[in-house]
Amino acid sequence: MQVRRRPLSEAQRARNRLQSKIRAKVEHPFHIMKRVLGFTHVRYRGLAKNTHRVQVTCALANLFLVRKQLLKPALAME
């Protein structure tokens, strides 16, 4: 980690803000996969099985992220 001895310029601050926006969008699904779905370790079960497990976990994480939008029409019908 680099130690900063002077304040960041406005251009550097703008670049950091842009990077943090992207990082937040990318890291949120990994939080869901690790904390909610428990995908913290990969077992040594073979490449095909691990690939399948990652793909299913990603699909479930995507469903988890959009669950409110998916349930909204069902709740409106009641």
Protein backbone atom coordinates (compact mmCIF):
# COMPACT_ATOMS: atom_id res chain seq x y z
CA MET A 1 0.00 0.00 0.00
CA GLN A 2 1.34 3.37 -0.98
CA VAL A 3 1.72 6.03 1.69
CA ARG A 4 0.41 9.40 0.56
CA ARG A 5 2.34 12.44 1.71
CA ARG A 6 0.27 15.05 -0.09
CA PRO A 7 -3.43 15.52 -0.83
CA LEU A 8 -4.86 14.03 -4.00
CA SER A 9 -5.50 16.28 -6.95
CA GLU A 10 -9.07 16.77 -8.15
CA ALA A 11 -8.38 14.56 -11.19
CA GLN A 12 -7.12 11.76 -8.93
CA ARG A 13 -10.17 12.10 -6.68
CA ALA A 14 -12.49 11.92 -9.71
CA ARG A 15 -10.68 8.81 -10.97
CA ASN A 16 -10.98 7.17 -7.54
CA ARG A 17 -14.72 7.93 -7.43
CA LEU A 18 -15.21 6.36 -10.85
CA GLN A 19 -13.25 3.26 -9.85
CA SER A 20 -15.14 2.89 -6.58
CA LYS A 21 -18.51 3.03 -8.37
CA ILE A 22 -17.43 0.21 -10.68
CA ARG A 23 -15.86 -1.77 -7.84
CA ALA A 24 -19.03 -1.57 -5.76
CA LYS A 25 -21.16 -2.94 -8.61
CA VAL A 26 -18.73 -5.79 -9.25
CA GLU A 27 -18.09 -6.78 -5.64
CA HIS A 28 -21.71 -6.86 -4.47
CA PRO A 29 -22.57 -10.14 -6.25
CA PHE A 30 -19.45 -11.73 -4.73
CA HIS A 31 -20.70 -10.70 -1.29
CA ILE A 32 -23.99 -12.47 -2.04
CA MET A 33 -22.18 -15.56 -3.30
CA LYS A 34 -19.88 -15.79 -0.29
CA ARG A 35 -22.04 -14.67 2.63
CA VAL A 36 -25.61 -15.55 1.64
CA LEU A 37 -25.02 -18.65 -0.49
CA GLY A 38 -21.94 -19.89 1.40
CA PHE A 39 -19.61 -20.22 -1.60
CA THR A 40 -16.39 -19.61 0.30
CA HIS A 41 -14.30 -22.64 -0.66
CA VAL A 42 -13.94 -24.67 -3.83
CA ARG A 43 -13.82 -28.38 -3.19
CA TYR A 44 -11.48 -30.61 -5.16
CA ARG A 45 -14.24 -32.41 -7.04
CA GLY A 46 -13.10 -31.91 -10.61
CA LEU A 47 -13.14 -28.96 -12.95
CA ALA A 48 -16.54 -29.74 -14.48
CA LYS A 49 -18.29 -30.00 -11.11
CA ASN A 50 -16.65 -26.82 -9.78
CA THR A 51 -17.51 -24.95 -12.98
CA HIS A 52 -21.13 -26.08 -12.68
CA ARG A 53 -21.29 -25.05 -9.03
CA VAL A 54 -19.90 -21.57 -9.80
CA GLN A 55 -22.37 -21.08 -12.66
CA VAL A 56 -25.33 -22.13 -10.52
CA THR A 57 -24.14 -19.91 -7.67
CA CYS A 58 -23.82 -16.93 -10.04
CA ALA A 59 -27.33 -17.54 -11.37
CA LEU A 60 -28.72 -17.72 -7.82
CA ALA A 61 -26.85 -14.55 -6.85
CA ASN A 62 -28.39 -12.75 -9.85
CA LEU A 63 -31.86 -13.93 -8.81
CA PHE A 64 -31.19 -12.82 -5.26
CA LEU A 65 -30.18 -9.34 -6.47
CA VAL A 66 -33.39 -8.87 -8.51
CA ARG A 67 -35.78 -10.65 -6.16
CA LYS A 68 -37.75 -7.49 -5.35
CA GLN A 69 -38.34 -6.71 -9.02
CA LEU A 70 -39.43 -10.30 -9.64
CA LEU A 71 -41.84 -10.34 -6.70
CA LYS A 72 -43.35 -6.91 -7.35
CA PRO A 73 -45.86 -8.09 -10.04
CA ALA A 74 -46.94 -11.03 -7.89
CA LEU A 75 -47.59 -8.78 -4.91
CA ALA A 76 -49.56 -6.30 -7.06
CA MET A 77 -52.00 -9.04 -8.13
CA GLU A 78 -53.03 -9.88 -4.58
